[in-house]
């Protein structure tokens, strides 16, 4: 069943309003949930894995300096992961006054006009 031009316009306006009010929810609903924070977490995990590989190489080669460098690399990866987790969960979340109520008001105004 095809949408009329009026319905498509309403849908586009509702999506734009949702994007302004809660872009995180919109990205989750549209499947674009990978954010900068998740990319940073993957980078931290990759750095940690690289450090583990360098650490094993240092153990095999019995080179102390390579082990120290590997430890620093692993530490950097872990710190990147931890700061990413604390940024995601520890930040103050400011509640915006009900984005749903503003959408409902717009919907009611449009229905009363037409």
N, C-alpha and C. Protein backbone atom coordinates (compact mmCIF):
# COMPACT_ATOMS: atom_id res chain seq x y z
N UNK A 1 0.84 -1.17 0.00
CA UNK A 1 0.00 0.00 0.00
C UNK A 1 0.88 1.23 0.00
N UNK A 2 0.72 2.09 -0.97
CA UNK A 2 1.55 3.27 -1.13
C UNK A 2 1.06 4.39 -0.21
N UNK A 3 2.03 5.21 0.22
CA UNK A 3 1.70 6.36 1.06
C UNK A 3 1.36 7.55 0.18
N UNK A 4 0.44 8.36 0.66
CA UNK A 4 0.11 9.58 -0.08
C UNK A 4 1.22 10.60 0.15
N UNK A 5 1.22 11.66 -0.63
CA UNK A 5 2.24 12.70 -0.48
C UNK A 5 2.19 13.32 0.91
N UNK A 6 0.98 13.53 1.41
CA UNK A 6 0.81 14.11 2.74
C UNK A 6 1.40 13.19 3.82
N UNK A 7 1.15 11.89 3.70
CA UNK A 7 1.68 10.93 4.67
C UNK A 7 3.20 10.85 4.60
N UNK A 8 3.75 10.89 3.39
CA UNK A 8 5.21 10.89 3.25
C UNK A 8 5.83 12.13 3.88
N UNK A 9 5.17 13.26 3.68
CA UNK A 9 5.66 14.51 4.26
C UNK A 9 5.62 14.44 5.78
N UNK A 10 4.52 13.93 6.33
CA UNK A 10 4.41 13.78 7.78
C UNK A 10 5.49 12.85 8.32
N UNK A 11 5.71 11.75 7.63
CA UNK A 11 6.72 10.80 8.06
C UNK A 11 8.11 11.42 8.04
N UNK A 12 8.42 12.19 7.01
CA UNK A 12 9.72 12.85 6.92
C UNK A 12 9.88 13.88 8.04
N UNK A 13 8.81 14.62 8.35
CA UNK A 13 8.87 15.60 9.43
C UNK A 13 9.05 14.92 10.78
N UNK A 14 8.37 13.81 10.98
CA UNK A 14 8.51 13.08 12.25
C UNK A 14 9.92 12.53 12.40
N UNK A 15 10.50 12.03 11.30
CA UNK A 15 11.86 11.51 11.35
C UNK A 15 12.85 12.63 11.65
N UNK A 16 12.66 13.80 11.05
CA UNK A 16 13.54 14.94 11.30
C UNK A 16 13.45 15.39 12.75
N UNK A 17 12.22 15.41 13.29
CA UNK A 17 12.04 15.79 14.69
C UNK A 17 12.69 14.77 15.62
N UNK A 18 12.56 13.51 15.30
CA UNK A 18 13.18 12.46 16.10
C UNK A 18 14.69 12.56 16.05
N UNK A 19 15.23 12.88 14.88
CA UNK A 19 16.68 13.02 14.74
C UNK A 19 17.20 14.17 15.60
N UNK A 20 16.43 15.25 15.68
CA UNK A 20 16.84 16.38 16.51
C UNK A 20 16.74 16.04 17.99
N UNK A 21 15.68 15.37 18.39
CA UNK A 21 15.44 15.09 19.79
C UNK A 21 16.32 13.96 20.34
N UNK A 22 16.45 12.88 19.59
CA UNK A 22 17.20 11.72 20.08
C UNK A 22 17.91 11.02 18.93
N UNK A 23 19.07 11.55 18.51
CA UNK A 23 19.77 10.94 17.38
C UNK A 23 20.27 9.53 17.67
N UNK A 24 20.52 9.23 18.93
CA UNK A 24 21.00 7.89 19.29
C UNK A 24 19.92 6.84 19.04
N UNK A 25 18.68 7.18 19.41
CA UNK A 25 17.58 6.26 19.17
C UNK A 25 17.37 6.07 17.67
N UNK A 26 17.44 7.15 16.93
CA UNK A 26 17.25 7.05 15.48
C UNK A 26 18.33 6.18 14.85
N UNK A 27 19.58 6.32 15.30
CA UNK A 27 20.64 5.49 14.73
C UNK A 27 20.43 4.03 15.08
N UNK A 28 19.89 3.76 16.27
CA UNK A 28 19.60 2.38 16.65
C UNK A 28 18.47 1.81 15.80
N UNK A 29 17.44 2.61 15.58
CA UNK A 29 16.30 2.13 14.81
C UNK A 29 16.63 1.94 13.34
N UNK A 30 17.51 2.77 12.80
CA UNK A 30 17.85 2.67 11.39
C UNK A 30 18.99 1.70 11.14
N UNK A 31 19.59 1.16 12.20
CA UNK A 31 20.66 0.19 12.03
C UNK A 31 22.04 0.80 11.92
N UNK A 32 22.15 2.08 12.17
CA UNK A 32 23.45 2.74 12.13
C UNK A 32 23.96 2.98 13.54
N UNK A 33 23.93 1.94 14.34
CA UNK A 33 24.23 2.09 15.75
C UNK A 33 25.71 2.20 16.06
N UNK A 34 26.58 1.91 15.13
CA UNK A 34 28.01 2.02 15.39
C UNK A 34 28.38 3.49 15.50
N UNK A 35 28.80 3.87 16.67
CA UNK A 35 29.12 5.26 16.93
C UNK A 35 30.61 5.42 17.09
N UNK A 36 31.00 6.62 17.34
CA UNK A 36 32.41 6.91 17.57
C UNK A 36 32.92 6.15 18.79
N UNK A 37 32.07 6.03 19.83
CA UNK A 37 32.49 5.33 21.04
C UNK A 37 32.76 3.85 20.76
N UNK A 38 31.91 3.21 19.97
CA UNK A 38 32.14 1.80 19.69
C UNK A 38 33.38 1.63 18.81
N UNK A 39 33.64 2.58 17.93
CA UNK A 39 34.86 2.51 17.12
C UNK A 39 36.09 2.66 18.00
N UNK A 40 36.02 3.55 18.99
CA UNK A 40 37.15 3.71 19.91
C UNK A 40 37.36 2.46 20.74
N UNK A 41 36.28 1.78 21.13
CA UNK A 41 36.42 0.54 21.89
C UNK A 41 37.09 -0.53 21.05
N UNK A 42 36.71 -0.62 19.77
CA UNK A 42 37.35 -1.60 18.88
C UNK A 42 38.82 -1.26 18.66
N UNK A 43 39.14 0.02 18.57
CA UNK A 43 40.54 0.44 18.43
C UNK A 43 41.33 0.05 19.66
N UNK A 44 40.76 0.28 20.84
CA UNK A 44 41.43 -0.11 22.08
C UNK A 44 41.65 -1.61 22.17
N UNK A 45 40.67 -2.37 21.73
CA UNK A 45 40.80 -3.83 21.73
C UNK A 45 41.89 -4.28 20.75
N UNK A 46 41.96 -3.62 19.61
CA UNK A 46 42.99 -3.95 18.62
C UNK A 46 44.39 -3.62 19.16
N UNK A 47 44.52 -2.49 19.83
CA UNK A 47 45.81 -2.11 20.41
C UNK A 47 46.20 -3.10 21.50
N UNK A 48 45.24 -3.53 22.29
CA UNK A 48 45.51 -4.53 23.33
C UNK A 48 45.99 -5.85 22.71
N UNK A 49 45.34 -6.28 21.64
CA UNK A 49 45.76 -7.51 20.97
C UNK A 49 47.16 -7.37 20.38
N UNK A 50 47.44 -6.21 19.79
CA UNK A 50 48.78 -5.96 19.24
C UNK A 50 49.83 -6.03 20.35
N UNK A 51 49.52 -5.43 21.48
CA UNK A 51 50.44 -5.48 22.62
C UNK A 51 50.68 -6.90 23.10
N UNK A 52 49.63 -7.74 23.09
CA UNK A 52 49.79 -9.13 23.51
C UNK A 52 50.69 -9.89 22.54
N UNK A 53 50.54 -9.61 21.24
CA UNK A 53 51.40 -10.26 20.24
C UNK A 53 52.85 -9.83 20.43
N UNK A 54 53.07 -8.54 20.67
CA UNK A 54 54.44 -8.05 20.89
C UNK A 54 55.00 -8.63 22.18
N UNK A 55 54.18 -8.77 23.21
CA UNK A 55 54.62 -9.35 24.47
C UNK A 55 55.07 -10.80 24.29
N UNK A 56 54.30 -11.58 23.55
CA UNK A 56 54.68 -12.97 23.28
C UNK A 56 55.97 -13.02 22.47
N UNK A 57 56.09 -12.11 21.51
CA UNK A 57 57.34 -12.05 20.71
C UNK A 57 58.53 -11.74 21.60
N UNK A 58 58.34 -10.82 22.53
CA UNK A 58 59.42 -10.48 23.46
C UNK A 58 59.78 -11.64 24.37
N UNK A 59 58.79 -12.43 24.76
CA UNK A 59 59.07 -13.60 25.60
C UNK A 59 59.85 -14.66 24.81
N UNK A 60 59.45 -14.85 23.56
CA UNK A 60 60.13 -15.84 22.74
C UNK A 60 61.57 -15.41 22.47
N UNK A 61 61.74 -14.11 22.19
CA UNK A 61 63.08 -13.61 21.89
C UNK A 61 63.90 -13.35 23.15
N UNK A 62 63.28 -13.44 24.30
CA UNK A 62 63.90 -13.18 25.59
C UNK A 62 64.55 -11.79 25.62
N UNK A 63 63.79 -10.81 25.12
CA UNK A 63 64.25 -9.42 25.11
C UNK A 63 63.40 -8.61 26.08
N UNK A 64 64.05 -8.11 27.12
CA UNK A 64 63.33 -7.39 28.17
C UNK A 64 62.72 -6.09 27.64
N UNK A 65 63.46 -5.38 26.81
CA UNK A 65 62.98 -4.10 26.30
C UNK A 65 61.71 -4.27 25.46
N UNK A 66 61.62 -5.36 24.71
CA UNK A 66 60.42 -5.64 23.91
C UNK A 66 59.24 -5.92 24.84
N UNK A 67 59.47 -6.59 25.94
CA UNK A 67 58.42 -6.84 26.93
C UNK A 67 57.91 -5.57 27.57
N UNK A 68 58.82 -4.65 27.86
CA UNK A 68 58.42 -3.36 28.44
C UNK A 68 57.60 -2.56 27.44
N UNK A 69 58.04 -2.54 26.19
CA UNK A 69 57.29 -1.82 25.14
C UNK A 69 55.91 -2.46 24.96
N UNK A 70 55.85 -3.78 24.99
CA UNK A 70 54.56 -4.48 24.85
C UNK A 70 53.63 -4.14 26.00
N UNK A 71 54.19 -4.03 27.20
CA UNK A 71 53.38 -3.66 28.36
C UNK A 71 52.77 -2.28 28.18
N UNK A 72 53.57 -1.34 27.69
CA UNK A 72 53.08 0.02 27.46
C UNK A 72 51.97 0.02 26.40
N UNK A 73 52.15 -0.78 25.35
CA UNK A 73 51.13 -0.87 24.30
C UNK A 73 49.84 -1.46 24.87
N UNK A 74 49.95 -2.52 25.65
CA UNK A 74 48.77 -3.12 26.27
C UNK A 74 48.08 -2.13 27.21
N UNK A 75 48.87 -1.40 27.97
CA UNK A 75 48.32 -0.42 28.89
C UNK A 75 47.55 0.67 28.14
N UNK A 76 48.09 1.11 27.02
CA UNK A 76 47.40 2.13 26.21
C UNK A 76 46.06 1.59 25.69
N UNK A 77 46.05 0.34 25.25
CA UNK A 77 44.80 -0.26 24.77
C UNK A 77 43.76 -0.38 25.87
N UNK A 78 44.19 -0.82 27.05
CA UNK A 78 43.27 -0.96 28.18
C UNK A 78 42.73 0.40 28.61
N UNK A 79 43.60 1.40 28.66
CA UNK A 79 43.15 2.74 29.04
C UNK A 79 42.14 3.30 28.04
N UNK A 80 42.35 3.05 26.76
CA UNK A 80 41.41 3.50 25.75
C UNK A 80 40.05 2.84 25.93
N UNK A 81 40.05 1.55 26.23
CA UNK A 81 38.80 0.83 26.46
C UNK A 81 38.11 1.35 27.72
N UNK A 82 38.87 1.52 28.80
CA UNK A 82 38.27 1.97 30.07
C UNK A 82 37.72 3.38 29.95
N UNK A 83 38.45 4.29 29.32
CA UNK A 83 37.93 5.65 29.17
C UNK A 83 36.69 5.66 28.29
N UNK A 84 36.65 4.79 27.30
CA UNK A 84 35.47 4.70 26.45
C UNK A 84 34.26 4.21 27.24
N UNK A 85 34.45 3.22 28.09
CA UNK A 85 33.35 2.70 28.90
C UNK A 85 32.88 3.76 29.89
N UNK A 86 33.81 4.47 30.51
CA UNK A 86 33.41 5.48 31.48
C UNK A 86 32.72 6.66 30.80
N UNK A 87 33.11 6.98 29.56
CA UNK A 87 32.43 8.06 28.84
C UNK A 87 31.01 7.68 28.49
N UNK A 88 30.78 6.40 28.17
CA UNK A 88 29.44 5.96 27.78
C UNK A 88 28.50 5.87 28.97
N UNK A 89 29.00 5.40 30.12
CA UNK A 89 28.09 5.16 31.23
C UNK A 89 28.17 6.20 32.33
N UNK A 90 29.29 6.89 32.45
CA UNK A 90 29.46 7.80 33.58
C UNK A 90 29.02 9.22 33.33
N UNK A 91 28.71 9.57 32.12
CA UNK A 91 28.33 10.94 31.83
C UNK A 91 26.97 11.28 32.38
N UNK A 92 26.79 12.56 32.68
CA UNK A 92 25.49 13.00 33.17
C UNK A 92 24.50 12.98 32.03
N UNK A 93 23.39 12.35 32.28
CA UNK A 93 22.35 12.28 31.26
C UNK A 93 21.28 13.30 31.61
N UNK A 94 21.14 14.25 30.72
CA UNK A 94 20.14 15.30 30.92
C UNK A 94 18.86 14.85 30.24
N UNK A 95 17.80 14.80 31.02
CA UNK A 95 16.52 14.40 30.44
C UNK A 95 15.90 15.60 29.74
N UNK A 96 15.58 15.39 28.50
CA UNK A 96 14.89 16.42 27.75
C UNK A 96 13.40 16.25 28.00
N UNK A 97 12.68 17.36 28.07
CA UNK A 97 11.25 17.21 28.30
C UNK A 97 10.58 16.49 27.15
N UNK A 98 10.03 15.36 27.42
CA UNK A 98 9.32 14.44 26.56
C UNK A 98 9.25 14.75 25.07
N UNK A 99 10.13 14.16 24.33
CA UNK A 99 10.10 14.35 22.88
C UNK A 99 8.85 13.72 22.29
N UNK A 100 8.33 12.72 22.96
CA UNK A 100 7.11 12.08 22.48
C UNK A 100 5.92 13.01 22.57
N UNK A 101 5.87 13.79 23.64
CA UNK A 101 4.74 14.71 23.79
C UNK A 101 4.76 15.79 22.72
N UNK A 102 5.96 16.27 22.36
CA UNK A 102 6.02 17.28 21.31
C UNK A 102 5.61 16.70 19.96
N UNK A 103 5.96 15.44 19.70
CA UNK A 103 5.51 14.79 18.47
C UNK A 103 4.00 14.62 18.45
N UNK A 104 3.45 14.27 19.60
CA UNK A 104 2.00 14.11 19.68
C UNK A 104 1.29 15.43 19.44
N UNK A 105 1.84 16.50 19.99
CA UNK A 105 1.24 17.82 19.78
C UNK A 105 1.27 18.21 18.31
N UNK A 106 2.40 17.95 17.66
CA UNK A 106 2.49 18.25 16.22
C UNK A 106 1.49 17.41 15.42
N UNK A 107 1.37 16.16 15.79
CA UNK A 107 0.45 15.26 15.10
C UNK A 107 -1.00 15.77 15.24
N UNK A 108 -1.34 16.14 16.47
CA UNK A 108 -2.69 16.64 16.72
C UNK A 108 -2.94 17.94 15.96
N UNK A 109 -1.97 18.84 15.93
CA UNK A 109 -2.14 20.10 15.19
C UNK A 109 -2.37 19.83 13.72
N UNK A 110 -1.62 18.91 13.15
CA UNK A 110 -1.76 18.59 11.72
C UNK A 110 -3.11 17.96 11.42
N UNK A 111 -3.55 17.08 12.31
CA UNK A 111 -4.84 16.43 12.09
C UNK A 111 -5.99 17.42 12.24
N UNK A 112 -5.86 18.38 13.12
CA UNK A 112 -6.91 19.38 13.31
C UNK A 112 -6.95 20.39 12.15
N UNK A 113 -5.78 20.64 11.54
CA UNK A 113 -5.74 21.56 10.41
C UNK A 113 -6.38 20.97 9.18
N UNK A 114 -6.14 19.69 8.93
CA UNK A 114 -6.57 19.07 7.68
C UNK A 114 -7.86 18.41 7.75
